[in-house]
């Protein structure tokens, strides 16, 4: 039994996320966690809400609520939506937790002791209109690199270039829109990443099999232009983790908080402490400290490409720089962007489907299947309603759902709601088992490598084999001349339904559970040997015909949803 630590990039607290956010981190992480559990491995799957920084303050101000109250409410909202999509976190934490406060301050203290933090007097944007310094996310303007007119002061979301507010063309205050910004002197702490460039590059080179997307972004930040730069880790904000050296005050840093991108990744570790403190587990250190057993853990992170630089450089710099025996990530699975119907998702314009809206329309499995089978791995992908309708109707309704319905209803009509006895399997069935074995082993290989789209393709191919067998064997015709042979064919087909449910559970957990419940299955083990797996339901075993596993999406529904979520162009 292997041990897998899995984390998803933690979503910002400010509002409900769209489907692109879901497929860019949380959903594929859940797929991987479910698969590893199904194979009998020990899994700790962690996620949290990212509650500090300007997004939280701005969203709370817009909602007219104190920021702490707003964050507490939105954490519950995001937790409910995650449950709605059946995201199987072992714990869904909060970066504002006491555990993360203590751990972030601890890391700052040990990094300072290692000489990796320096104090910098710098000029920073100040807004006389707002009466305050403006942290980078409180400033927007035009990106000097690509011309995007809503680039933030820390990074351009369009081209992912790291920025400073002074780089922006025509900067403006996000709070008031004021453009009369001034540069004034203030003091901040910087993580001396530049001194760790060689160490970080050597470490990255030891990571095996990372996606090209991940390594290319990391190497670009390391080597482009002036190379890896020191990075500010404090901000002039009211909301956040107060700057301290461990438990001690930090002279000159009064009233400042740690930068959200310093404390947010540390929440991965703190989240495990929260998991233990919530009574859900024990000994979080065996997952996170190599001197307490974490040396045999495989740690996999899932994230969108915009999060890659901080997870390949800044967070590892924090871990490596501490000199303490913390577990470092083994594999970073990064994703491109999911676009929406010829453009981008937009909260402000109401364009695209957001997670709460998706669950109002259809059950989670419909979304899980489409998103995972179209995951933006090698390039950006695009959601269109036509593609969604086609995929649901052909893959889920026509292939998997139709197979389960035809087999169980035919059995009920000819043999009753019981696995029939009699007959024996022949060459056709032997070939089916051989072909299925090949497909399932392909599926297992892709899943173990977190190759999401290839996994979905191999799974669907396994479903198709069952349908092709049913068409060729034609038990409804066989029954007329050889009822016992038809019984053997249907017995195999019923066992195929169980097999499909077991191996499909990581993708479509609700449908899998419904099929297994209808079949009254107690053995839900992974199929190590298909000959054995396809005999688990014995003759005489009772079942019930399941409800429709997946219904088809009508043209009228598609057109209605397309208009509803088009937004204000």
Protein backbone atom coordinates (compact mmCIF):
# COMPACT_ATOMS: atom_id res chain seq x y z
CA UNK A 1 0.00 0.00 0.00
CA UNK A 2 1.43 3.35 -1.09
CA UNK A 3 0.78 6.67 0.62
CA UNK A 4 -0.41 9.64 -1.44
CA UNK A 5 -0.55 13.23 -0.22
CA UNK A 6 -2.68 15.23 -2.65
CA UNK A 7 -3.39 18.95 -2.59
CA UNK A 8 -5.45 21.15 -4.86
CA UNK A 9 -4.63 24.82 -5.35
CA UNK A 10 -6.69 26.61 -2.75
CA UNK A 11 -9.42 28.85 -4.22
CA UNK A 12 -9.78 32.50 -3.29
CA UNK A 13 -12.58 33.21 -0.88
CA UNK A 14 -14.04 35.98 -3.03
CA UNK A 15 -17.14 34.43 -4.51
CA UNK A 16 -18.22 31.28 -6.28
CA UNK A 17 -15.86 29.86 -8.88
CA UNK A 18 -16.61 28.96 -12.47
CA UNK A 19 -16.16 25.62 -14.19
CA UNK A 20 -12.69 26.56 -15.40
CA UNK A 21 -11.51 26.95 -11.81
CA UNK A 22 -13.03 23.58 -10.96
CA UNK A 23 -11.34 21.63 -13.75
CA UNK A 24 -8.05 23.47 -13.27
CA UNK A 25 -7.32 22.03 -9.84
CA UNK A 26 -9.96 20.59 -7.51
CA UNK A 27 -11.73 18.18 -9.84
CA UNK A 28 -8.69 16.39 -11.32
CA UNK A 29 -7.21 16.22 -7.82
CA UNK A 30 -10.39 14.52 -6.66
CA UNK A 31 -10.24 12.09 -9.59
CA UNK A 32 -6.68 11.16 -8.63
CA UNK A 33 -7.53 10.82 -4.93
CA UNK A 34 -10.56 8.62 -5.62
CA UNK A 35 -8.52 6.39 -7.92
CA UNK A 36 -5.71 5.92 -5.41
CA UNK A 37 -8.22 5.08 -2.67
CA UNK A 38 -9.95 2.60 -4.99
CA UNK A 39 -6.61 0.86 -5.53
CA UNK A 40 -6.27 0.42 -1.77
CA UNK A 41 -3.69 3.14 -1.13
CA UNK A 42 -3.64 5.48 1.83
CA UNK A 43 -4.63 8.99 0.77
CA UNK A 44 -4.68 12.41 2.45
CA UNK A 45 -6.46 14.86 0.14
CA UNK A 46 -6.38 18.47 1.34
CA UNK A 47 -7.79 21.75 0.15
CA UNK A 48 -8.81 25.04 1.78
CA UNK A 49 -10.08 28.52 1.10
CA UNK A 50 -7.48 31.24 0.51
CA UNK A 51 -8.83 33.97 2.76
CA UNK A 52 -6.20 36.68 2.99
CA UNK A 53 -5.09 39.50 0.78
CA UNK A 54 -6.91 42.08 -1.25
CA UNK A 55 -9.49 39.77 -2.89
CA UNK A 56 -11.00 39.05 0.52
CA UNK A 57 -10.97 42.68 1.63
CA UNK A 58 -12.46 43.95 -1.61
CA UNK A 59 -15.16 41.29 -1.75
CA UNK A 60 -16.11 41.87 1.88
CA UNK A 61 -16.33 45.63 1.32
CA UNK A 62 -18.53 45.08 -1.71
CA UNK A 63 -20.78 42.79 0.34
CA UNK A 64 -20.91 45.36 3.15
CA UNK A 65 -19.63 42.89 5.75
CA UNK A 66 -16.64 42.65 8.09
CA UNK A 67 -13.98 40.66 6.31
CA UNK A 68 -13.81 37.91 8.95
CA UNK A 69 -17.58 37.41 8.78
CA UNK A 70 -17.54 37.40 5.00
CA UNK A 71 -14.77 34.81 4.88
CA UNK A 72 -16.53 32.53 7.36
CA UNK A 73 -19.74 32.65 5.31
CA UNK A 74 -18.02 32.08 1.98
CA UNK A 75 -16.01 29.18 3.36
CA UNK A 76 -19.29 27.45 4.16
CA UNK A 77 -20.65 28.28 0.70
CA UNK A 78 -17.58 26.89 -1.04
CA UNK A 79 -17.59 23.80 1.19
CA UNK A 80 -21.23 23.07 0.27
CA UNK A 81 -20.53 23.49 -3.44
CA UNK A 82 -17.48 21.23 -3.18
CA UNK A 83 -19.67 18.62 -1.53
CA UNK A 84 -22.21 19.12 -4.31
CA UNK A 85 -19.56 18.16 -6.87
CA UNK A 86 -18.57 15.23 -4.64
CA UNK A 87 -15.05 16.54 -4.05
CA UNK A 88 -13.75 14.03 -1.53
CA UNK A 89 -11.44 16.21 0.56
CA UNK A 90 -10.25 14.62 3.76
CA UNK A 91 -10.30 18.16 5.09
CA UNK A 92 -11.34 21.51 3.62
CA UNK A 93 -9.50 24.05 5.67
CA UNK A 94 -9.05 27.81 5.95
CA UNK A 95 -5.88 29.82 5.45
CA UNK A 96 -7.08 32.13 8.23
CA UNK A 97 -6.91 29.27 10.74
CA UNK A 98 -4.89 29.59 13.95
CA UNK A 99 -2.79 26.67 12.72
CA UNK A 100 -1.76 28.60 9.60
CA UNK A 101 -1.08 31.75 11.59
CA UNK A 102 1.36 29.87 13.81
CA UNK A 103 3.04 27.94 11.01
CA UNK A 104 3.46 30.96 8.72
CA UNK A 105 5.04 32.95 11.54
CA UNK A 106 7.25 29.97 12.31
CA UNK A 107 8.52 29.77 8.72
CA UNK A 108 9.21 33.51 8.69
CA UNK A 109 11.26 33.13 11.86
CA UNK A 110 13.39 30.24 10.64
CA UNK A 111 13.92 31.85 7.23
CA UNK A 112 15.11 34.98 8.98
CA UNK A 113 17.46 32.87 11.09
CA UNK A 114 18.83 31.35 7.88
CA UNK A 115 19.54 34.82 6.49
CA UNK A 116 16.93 34.45 3.76
CA UNK A 117 14.77 37.46 4.63
CA UNK A 118 15.87 41.04 4.20
CA UNK A 119 14.19 44.32 5.06
CA UNK A 120 13.74 46.72 2.19
CA UNK A 121 12.78 50.37 2.24
CA UNK A 122 10.89 51.00 -0.92
CA UNK A 123 8.48 53.34 -2.51
CA UNK A 124 4.98 52.06 -2.94
CA UNK A 125 1.82 53.33 -4.49
CA UNK A 126 -0.18 55.51 -2.13
CA UNK A 127 -3.66 56.79 -2.85
CA UNK A 128 -4.48 60.16 -1.29
CA UNK A 129 -8.10 59.58 -2.29
CA UNK A 130 -8.23 56.29 -0.35
CA UNK A 131 -5.88 57.47 2.40
CA UNK A 132 -3.74 54.32 2.32
CA UNK A 133 -0.95 52.43 0.65
CA UNK A 134 -2.24 50.24 -2.15
CA UNK A 135 -0.95 46.67 -2.21
CA UNK A 136 -0.41 45.26 -5.68
CA UNK A 137 -3.87 43.72 -6.03
CA UNK A 138 -5.47 47.07 -5.18
CA UNK A 139 -3.95 48.45 -8.38
CA UNK A 140 -4.94 47.67 -11.95
CA UNK A 141 -3.66 49.01 -15.23
CA UNK A 142 -2.43 48.03 -18.66
CA UNK A 143 0.18 45.28 -18.86
CA UNK A 144 3.43 46.56 -20.40
CA UNK A 145 4.12 43.11 -21.82
CA UNK A 146 0.89 42.18 -23.63
CA UNK A 147 -1.35 45.26 -23.42
CA UNK A 148 -4.07 43.58 -21.33
CA UNK A 149 -6.00 46.48 -19.78
CA UNK A 150 -6.94 44.79 -16.49
CA UNK A 151 -3.56 43.53 -15.34
CA UNK A 152 -3.06 43.42 -11.58
CA UNK A 153 -0.16 44.99 -9.77
CA UNK A 154 1.44 41.62 -9.07
CA UNK A 155 0.76 39.63 -12.23
CA UNK A 156 -0.99 39.80 -15.56
CA UNK A 157 -3.68 37.13 -15.80
CA UNK A 158 -3.52 37.28 -19.57
CA UNK A 159 0.19 36.57 -20.17
CA UNK A 160 1.12 35.43 -16.59
CA UNK A 161 4.06 37.88 -16.45
CA UNK A 162 5.12 38.79 -12.92
CA UNK A 163 4.69 42.54 -12.38
CA UNK A 164 5.19 45.33 -9.90
CA UNK A 165 2.58 48.09 -9.64
CA UNK A 166 5.07 50.62 -11.02
CA UNK A 167 5.29 48.56 -14.22
CA UNK A 168 1.63 49.14 -15.07
CA UNK A 169 0.61 51.70 -17.67
CA UNK A 170 -2.11 54.09 -16.47
CA UNK A 171 -2.45 52.51 -13.00
CA UNK A 172 -5.65 53.08 -11.02
CA UNK A 173 -6.97 52.25 -7.55
CA UNK A 174 -9.26 49.23 -7.49
CA UNK A 175 -11.01 50.73 -4.44
CA UNK A 176 -11.95 54.15 -5.79
CA UNK A 177 -10.74 54.21 -9.38
CA UNK A 178 -8.48 57.12 -8.48
CA UNK A 179 -5.56 57.73 -10.81
CA UNK A 180 -3.75 60.39 -8.73
CA UNK A 181 -1.48 57.76 -7.22
CA UNK A 182 1.79 58.72 -5.56
CA UNK A 183 4.94 56.85 -4.70
CA UNK A 184 5.75 57.00 -0.97
CA UNK A 185 8.33 55.21 1.14
CA UNK A 186 7.44 52.17 3.24
CA UNK A 187 9.34 49.16 4.61
CA UNK A 188 8.74 45.49 3.75
CA UNK A 189 10.29 42.05 4.07
CA UNK A 190 11.64 40.16 1.06
CA UNK A 191 12.34 36.45 0.66
CA UNK A 192 15.82 36.17 -0.85
CA UNK A 193 14.84 33.75 -3.59
CA UNK A 194 17.66 34.92 -5.83
CA UNK A 195 20.26 33.34 -3.53
CA UNK A 196 18.50 29.99 -3.96
CA UNK A 197 18.30 29.99 -7.76
CA UNK A 198 20.84 27.21 -8.29
CA UNK A 199 19.39 25.09 -5.51
CA UNK A 200 15.87 25.48 -6.87
CA UNK A 201 16.97 24.67 -10.42
CA UNK A 202 18.78 21.54 -9.25
CA UNK A 203 15.73 20.51 -7.27
CA UNK A 204 13.41 21.02 -10.25
CA UNK A 205 15.76 18.93 -12.39
CA UNK A 206 15.34 16.01 -9.94
CA UNK A 207 11.55 15.99 -10.35
CA UNK A 208 10.67 13.23 -12.79
CA UNK A 209 8.04 13.38 -15.49
CA UNK A 210 6.61 16.80 -14.74
CA UNK A 211 4.29 18.10 -17.47
CA UNK A 212 6.03 20.32 -20.03
CA UNK A 213 3.66 23.12 -19.02
CA UNK A 214 4.92 22.99 -15.42
CA UNK A 215 8.65 22.84 -16.14
CA UNK A 216 8.54 25.43 -18.92
CA UNK A 217 6.88 28.01 -16.69
CA UNK A 218 9.30 27.31 -13.84
CA UNK A 219 12.36 27.53 -16.07
CA UNK A 220 11.07 30.73 -17.66
CA UNK A 221 10.83 32.41 -14.28
CA UNK A 222 14.25 31.13 -13.30
CA UNK A 223 16.13 32.21 -16.41
CA UNK A 224 14.25 34.87 -18.37
CA UNK A 225 15.54 38.43 -18.15
CA UNK A 226 17.28 38.99 -14.83
CA UNK A 227 16.30 35.54 -13.56
CA UNK A 228 14.71 34.70 -10.25
CA UNK A 229 14.10 37.82 -8.17
CA UNK A 230 13.66 38.34 -4.45
CA UNK A 231 9.98 38.53 -3.60
CA UNK A 232 8.15 40.71 -1.09
CA UNK A 233 6.37 38.68 1.60
CA UNK A 234 4.62 41.48 3.51
CA UNK A 235 1.84 43.94 2.70
CA UNK A 236 0.24 47.04 4.18
CA UNK A 237 -3.14 45.48 4.92
CA UNK A 238 -5.40 45.11 7.92
CA UNK A 239 -6.55 41.56 7.16
CA UNK A 240 -4.02 38.76 7.20
CA UNK A 241 -1.45 37.01 9.36
CA UNK A 242 0.44 39.58 11.48
CA UNK A 243 4.16 39.74 10.76
CA UNK A 244 6.09 37.98 13.52
CA UNK A 245 9.29 35.99 13.93
CA UNK A 246 7.78 32.86 15.32
CA UNK A 247 6.08 34.08 18.50
CA UNK A 248 8.15 37.26 18.71
CA UNK A 249 7.21 40.69 17.39
CA UNK A 250 9.15 41.95 14.38
CA UNK A 251 10.40 45.49 15.03
CA UNK A 252 9.45 47.88 12.25
CA UNK A 253 6.78 45.54 10.87
CA UNK A 254 3.97 46.64 13.17
CA UNK A 255 0.61 46.80 11.43
CA UNK A 256 1.74 44.74 8.46
CA UNK A 257 0.65 41.27 7.42
CA UNK A 258 2.26 38.50 5.42
CA UNK A 259 1.67 38.51 1.69
CA UNK A 260 -1.06 36.07 0.75
CA UNK A 261 1.22 34.11 -1.57
CA UNK A 262 3.60 33.49 1.33
CA UNK A 263 0.97 32.15 3.72
CA UNK A 264 -1.40 30.41 1.24
CA UNK A 265 0.86 27.47 0.28
CA UNK A 266 1.85 27.02 3.92
CA UNK A 267 -1.84 26.34 4.51
CA UNK A 268 -1.36 22.99 2.77
CA UNK A 269 0.66 21.90 5.79
CA UNK A 270 -1.50 23.73 8.32
CA UNK A 271 -4.57 22.10 6.77
CA UNK A 272 -3.23 18.71 7.87
CA UNK A 273 -2.95 20.09 11.40
CA UNK A 274 -6.56 21.30 11.11
CA UNK A 275 -7.55 17.80 9.95
CA UNK A 276 -6.10 16.31 13.13
CA UNK A 277 -7.51 19.03 15.39
CA UNK A 278 -10.96 18.45 13.87
CA UNK A 279 -10.77 14.82 15.02
CA UNK A 280 -10.63 13.42 11.49
CA UNK A 281 -7.12 11.99 11.63
CA UNK A 282 -4.01 11.60 13.70
CA UNK A 283 -0.31 12.40 13.40
CA UNK A 284 -0.27 14.93 10.57
CA UNK A 285 3.54 15.03 10.73
CA UNK A 286 3.85 11.56 9.22
CA UNK A 287 2.53 13.16 6.02
CA UNK A 288 4.60 16.32 6.10
CA UNK A 289 7.89 15.74 7.90
CA UNK A 290 10.50 13.41 6.49
CA UNK A 291 11.87 12.79 9.99
CA UNK A 292 8.44 11.47 11.04
CA UNK A 293 7.67 9.07 8.18
CA UNK A 294 6.87 11.32 5.21
CA UNK A 295 9.87 10.07 3.24
CA UNK A 296 7.68 7.30 1.80
CA UNK A 297 4.85 9.67 0.83
CA UNK A 298 4.24 10.64 -2.81
CA UNK A 299 3.09 14.26 -2.85
CA UNK A 300 1.12 15.47 -5.89
CA UNK A 301 -0.16 19.02 -6.40
CA UNK A 302 -2.88 20.07 -8.86
CA UNK A 303 -3.21 23.64 -10.13
CA UNK A 304 -3.88 26.00 -13.01
CA UNK A 305 -0.89 27.33 -14.93
CA UNK A 306 -1.16 30.77 -13.29
CA UNK A 307 -0.27 29.16 -9.95
CA UNK A 308 2.79 27.28 -11.20
CA UNK A 309 5.49 29.92 -10.46
CA UNK A 310 4.68 30.13 -6.77
CA UNK A 311 4.46 26.35 -6.37
CA UNK A 312 7.65 25.57 -8.28
CA UNK A 313 9.74 28.43 -6.88
CA UNK A 314 8.42 30.51 -3.97
CA UNK A 315 6.90 27.73 -1.86
CA UNK A 316 9.84 25.36 -2.45
CA UNK A 317 12.15 28.26 -1.55
CA UNK A 318 10.28 28.55 1.74
CA UNK A 319 10.52 24.82 2.43
CA UNK A 320 14.13 24.36 1.31
CA UNK A 321 15.25 27.60 2.86
CA UNK A 322 13.90 26.67 6.29
CA UNK A 323 16.47 23.90 6.57
CA UNK A 324 13.81 21.78 8.25
CA UNK A 325 12.75 18.27 7.16
CA UNK A 326 9.50 19.17 5.38
CA UNK A 327 8.09 17.07 2.55
CA UNK A 328 8.59 18.63 -0.89
CA UNK A 329 6.24 18.05 -3.80
CA UNK A 330 7.07 15.12 -6.08
CA UNK A 331 4.76 15.91 -8.99
CA UNK A 332 2.96 19.08 -10.05
CA UNK A 333 0.06 18.54 -12.41
CA UNK A 334 -0.74 21.86 -14.07
CA UNK A 335 -3.57 22.79 -16.40
CA UNK A 336 -4.20 25.37 -19.07
CA UNK A 337 -7.39 27.44 -19.16
CA UNK A 338 -10.94 26.40 -19.92
CA UNK A 339 -12.62 29.08 -22.02
CA UNK A 340 -16.32 29.60 -22.46
CA UNK A 341 -18.05 29.49 -25.83
CA UNK A 342 -15.65 31.62 -27.86
CA UNK A 343 -14.43 33.83 -25.01
CA UNK A 344 -13.67 33.85 -21.31
CA UNK A 345 -15.76 33.24 -18.23
CA UNK A 346 -16.71 36.58 -16.68
CA UNK A 347 -18.25 37.16 -13.28
CA UNK A 348 -18.91 40.83 -13.92
CA UNK A 349 -20.72 40.14 -17.21
CA UNK A 350 -22.50 37.01 -16.00
CA UNK A 351 -20.88 35.05 -18.77
CA UNK A 352 -20.39 31.31 -18.37
CA UNK A 353 -21.51 28.65 -15.94
CA UNK A 354 -20.45 28.95 -12.32
CA UNK A 355 -20.31 26.03 -9.94
CA UNK A 356 -23.55 26.73 -8.05
CA UNK A 357 -25.45 27.31 -11.30
CA UNK A 358 -24.16 24.09 -12.80
CA UNK A 359 -25.55 22.05 -9.91
CA UNK A 360 -28.95 23.74 -10.27
CA UNK A 361 -29.17 22.50 -13.86
CA UNK A 362 -27.86 18.93 -13.72
CA UNK A 363 -26.40 16.45 -11.22
CA UNK A 364 -22.64 16.57 -10.62
CA UNK A 365 -21.70 13.50 -12.66
CA UNK A 366 -22.76 15.16 -15.91
CA UNK A 367 -20.34 18.03 -15.26
CA UNK A 368 -17.59 15.83 -13.84
CA UNK A 369 -17.56 13.66 -16.94
CA UNK A 370 -17.49 16.48 -19.47
CA UNK A 371 -14.93 18.57 -17.61
CA UNK A 372 -12.53 15.70 -16.97
CA UNK A 373 -12.87 14.20 -20.45
CA UNK A 374 -12.11 17.67 -21.89
CA UNK A 375 -9.55 18.78 -19.30
CA UNK A 376 -7.20 21.51 -20.65
CA UNK A 377 -3.99 19.54 -20.26
CA UNK A 378 -1.87 20.12 -23.38
CA UNK A 379 -3.59 23.36 -24.40
CA UNK A 380 -6.54 25.57 -23.51
CA UNK A 381 -9.91 23.95 -24.11
CA UNK A 382 -13.34 25.41 -24.64
CA UNK A 383 -16.76 24.71 -23.21
CA UNK A 384 -19.59 24.85 -25.71
CA UNK A 385 -23.14 23.74 -25.08
CA UNK A 386 -23.22 21.72 -28.30
CA UNK A 387 -20.14 19.75 -27.24
CA UNK A 388 -21.50 19.30 -23.72
CA UNK A 389 -24.83 17.98 -25.01
CA UNK A 390 -23.14 15.61 -27.46
CA UNK A 391 -20.74 14.23 -24.86
CA UNK A 392 -23.42 13.66 -22.23
CA UNK A 393 -25.86 12.08 -24.69
CA UNK A 394 -23.38 9.87 -26.50
CA UNK A 395 -20.95 8.89 -23.74
CA UNK A 396 -23.11 8.76 -20.64
CA UNK A 397 -26.63 8.11 -21.90
CA UNK A 398 -26.05 6.08 -25.08
CA UNK A 399 -23.02 4.07 -24.00
CA UNK A 400 -22.91 3.50 -20.22
CA UNK A 401 -26.51 4.27 -19.26
CA UNK A 402 -28.01 2.39 -22.18
CA UNK A 403 -25.91 -0.69 -21.45
CA UNK A 404 -27.06 -0.86 -17.82
CA UNK A 405 -30.68 -0.29 -18.79
CA UNK A 406 -30.83 -2.84 -21.61
CA UNK A 407 -29.16 -5.60 -19.63
CA UNK A 408 -31.16 -5.24 -16.42
CA UNK A 409 -34.52 -4.75 -18.15
CA UNK A 410 -33.98 -7.72 -20.46
CA UNK A 411 -32.96 -9.88 -17.52
CA UNK A 412 -36.08 -8.86 -15.60
CA UNK A 413 -38.33 -9.65 -18.54
CA UNK A 414 -36.86 -13.13 -19.19
CA UNK A 415 -35.31 -14.32 -15.93
CA UNK A 416 -36.67 -12.00 -13.24
CA UNK A 417 -34.64 -9.66 -11.03
CA UNK A 418 -32.03 -12.27 -10.29
CA UNK A 419 -28.73 -13.22 -11.91
CA UNK A 420 -29.67 -16.15 -14.18
CA UNK A 421 -27.96 -19.52 -14.03
CA UNK A 422 -27.06 -21.95 -16.77
CA UNK A 423 -24.95 -21.91 -19.89
CA UNK A 424 -21.24 -21.32 -20.27
CA UNK A 425 -18.96 -18.72 -21.81
CA UNK A 426 -17.32 -19.26 -25.18
CA UNK A 427 -14.66 -17.74 -27.45
CA UNK A 428 -16.57 -14.47 -27.90
CA UNK A 429 -16.63 -13.91 -24.16
CA UNK A 430 -12.96 -14.86 -23.82
CA UNK A 431 -12.07 -12.27 -26.45
CA UNK A 432 -14.16 -9.66 -24.66
CA UNK A 433 -12.34 -10.34 -21.38
CA UNK A 434 -8.97 -10.10 -23.14
CA UNK A 435 -9.90 -6.81 -24.82
CA UNK A 436 -11.29 -5.41 -21.56
CA UNK A 437 -8.14 -6.38 -19.71
CA UNK A 438 -6.07 -4.39 -22.19
CA UNK A 439 -8.31 -1.33 -21.92
CA UNK A 440 -8.47 -1.41 -18.14
CA UNK A 441 -4.71 -1.76 -17.82
CA UNK A 442 -4.35 1.25 -20.14
CA UNK A 443 -6.85 3.09 -17.95
CA UNK A 444 -4.89 2.22 -14.81
CA UNK A 445 -1.63 3.41 -16.35
CA UNK A 446 -3.11 6.74 -17.42
CA UNK A 447 -4.79 7.25 -14.05
CA UNK A 448 -1.60 6.50 -12.14
CA UNK A 449 0.15 9.18 -14.22
CA UNK A 450 -2.73 11.66 -13.70
CA UNK A 451 -3.32 11.78 -17.47
CA UNK A 452 -6.90 12.89 -17.21
CA UNK A 453 -8.15 12.96 -20.80
CA UNK A 454 -6.39 9.72 -21.73
CA UNK A 455 -7.96 8.09 -18.67
CA UNK A 456 -11.43 9.21 -19.73
CA UNK A 457 -10.84 7.94 -23.27
CA UNK A 458 -9.69 4.52 -22.03
CA UNK A 459 -12.66 4.28 -19.68
CA UNK A 460 -15.13 5.11 -22.42
CA UNK A 461 -13.45 2.53 -24.68
CA UNK A 462 -14.08 -0.09 -21.99
CA UNK A 463 -17.75 0.89 -21.88
CA UNK A 464 -17.96 0.61 -25.68
CA UNK A 465 -16.63 -2.96 -25.60
CA UNK A 466 -19.59 -4.00 -23.46
CA UNK A 467 -22.05 -2.45 -25.89
CA UNK A 468 -20.36 -4.07 -28.86
CA UNK A 469 -20.49 -7.43 -27.12
CA UNK A 470 -24.18 -6.99 -26.36
CA UNK A 471 -24.91 -6.19 -29.99
CA UNK A 472 -22.91 -9.18 -31.26
CA UNK A 473 -24.14 -11.69 -28.71
CA UNK A 474 -27.74 -10.44 -29.03
CA UNK A 475 -29.10 -12.36 -26.00
CA UNK A 476 -32.64 -11.35 -27.00
CA UNK A 477 -32.20 -13.46 -30.15
CA UNK A 478 -30.18 -16.20 -28.41
CA UNK A 479 -32.97 -16.61 -25.86
CA UNK A 480 -35.37 -17.81 -28.54
CA UNK A 481 -33.24 -20.85 -29.39
CA UNK A 482 -30.89 -21.33 -26.41
CA UNK A 483 -32.17 -19.79 -23.15
CA UNK A 484 -29.25 -21.19 -21.15
CA UNK A 485 -26.70 -19.53 -23.42
CA UNK A 486 -28.64 -16.26 -23.15
CA UNK A 487 -28.53 -16.67 -19.37
CA UNK A 488 -24.72 -16.95 -19.47
CA UNK A 489 -24.49 -13.86 -21.66
CA UNK A 490 -26.71 -11.83 -19.34
CA UNK A 491 -24.89 -13.10 -16.25
CA UNK A 492 -21.65 -11.81 -17.77
CA UNK A 493 -23.30 -8.52 -18.75
CA UNK A 494 -24.64 -7.98 -15.23
CA UNK A 495 -21.15 -8.50 -13.89
CA UNK A 496 -19.94 -6.03 -16.49
CA UNK A 497 -22.26 -3.39 -15.02
CA UNK A 498 -20.66 -3.98 -11.63
CA UNK A 499 -17.19 -3.78 -13.18
CA UNK A 500 -18.02 -0.53 -14.98
CA UNK A 501 -19.43 1.00 -11.79
CA UNK A 502 -16.28 0.16 -9.82
CA UNK A 503 -13.79 1.51 -12.35
CA UNK A 504 -15.96 4.55 -13.23
CA UNK A 505 -16.40 5.71 -9.63
CA UNK A 506 -13.51 8.22 -9.73
CA UNK A 507 -15.19 10.01 -12.64
CA UNK A 508 -18.90 9.59 -11.86
CA UNK A 509 -19.28 8.63 -8.18
CA UNK A 510 -23.04 9.11 -7.87
CA UNK A 511 -23.89 7.01 -10.92
CA UNK A 512 -21.44 4.33 -9.82
CA UNK A 513 -22.98 4.18 -6.35
CA UNK A 514 -26.50 4.01 -7.80
CA UNK A 515 -25.60 1.10 -10.08
CA UNK A 516 -23.83 -0.80 -7.31
CA UNK A 517 -26.76 -0.25 -4.97
CA UNK A 518 -29.21 -1.49 -7.61
CA UNK A 519 -27.08 -4.59 -8.07
CA UNK A 520 -26.95 -5.07 -4.27
CA UNK A 521 -23.17 -5.31 -4.49
CA UNK A 522 -21.11 -5.67 -1.33
CA UNK A 523 -17.80 -6.45 -3.07
CA UNK A 524 -16.64 -3.17 -4.59
CA UNK A 525 -12.99 -4.15 -4.95
CA UNK A 526 -10.87 -3.07 -7.91
CA UNK A 527 -10.66 -5.72 -10.68
CA UNK A 528 -7.19 -7.21 -10.34
CA UNK A 529 -8.15 -10.20 -12.50
CA UNK A 530 -11.06 -9.82 -14.92
CA UNK A 531 -11.99 -13.50 -15.02
CA UNK A 532 -12.59 -13.32 -11.28
CA UNK A 533 -14.13 -9.85 -11.33
CA UNK A 534 -16.73 -10.91 -13.89
CA UNK A 535 -17.98 -13.74 -11.69
CA UNK A 536 -18.54 -11.79 -8.48
CA UNK A 537 -22.31 -11.67 -8.97
CA UNK A 538 -23.26 -15.37 -8.79
CA UNK A 539 -26.30 -17.05 -10.24
CA UNK A 540 -29.25 -16.49 -7.94
CA UNK A 541 -28.06 -13.06 -6.76
CA UNK A 542 -30.97 -10.62 -6.59
CA UNK A 543 -30.94 -7.08 -7.96
CA UNK A 544 -33.30 -4.27 -8.91
CA UNK A 545 -33.48 -2.49 -12.24
CA UNK A 546 -31.81 0.88 -11.69
CA UNK A 547 -33.41 4.21 -12.42
CA UNK A 548 -32.26 5.92 -15.61
CA UNK A 549 -28.55 6.38 -15.02
CA UNK A 550 -28.19 9.37 -17.33
CA UNK A 551 -30.91 11.20 -19.19
CA UNK A 552 -30.32 12.94 -22.47
CA UNK A 553 -30.10 16.71 -22.79
CA UNK A 554 -32.71 18.04 -25.20
CA UNK A 555 -32.12 20.64 -27.88
CA UNK A 556 -34.59 22.93 -26.11
CA UNK A 557 -32.62 22.72 -22.86
CA UNK A 558 -29.35 23.37 -24.63
CA UNK A 559 -30.72 26.45 -26.38
CA UNK A 560 -32.21 27.76 -23.14
CA UNK A 561 -28.96 27.34 -21.20
CA UNK A 562 -26.93 28.83 -24.03
CA UNK A 563 -29.02 32.00 -23.92
CA UNK A 564 -29.18 32.10 -20.12
CA UNK A 565 -25.43 32.06 -19.60
CA UNK A 566 -24.35 34.15 -22.59
CA UNK A 567 -23.94 37.20 -20.35
CA UNK A 568 -23.84 40.82 -21.39
CA UNK A 569 -21.48 40.96 -24.31
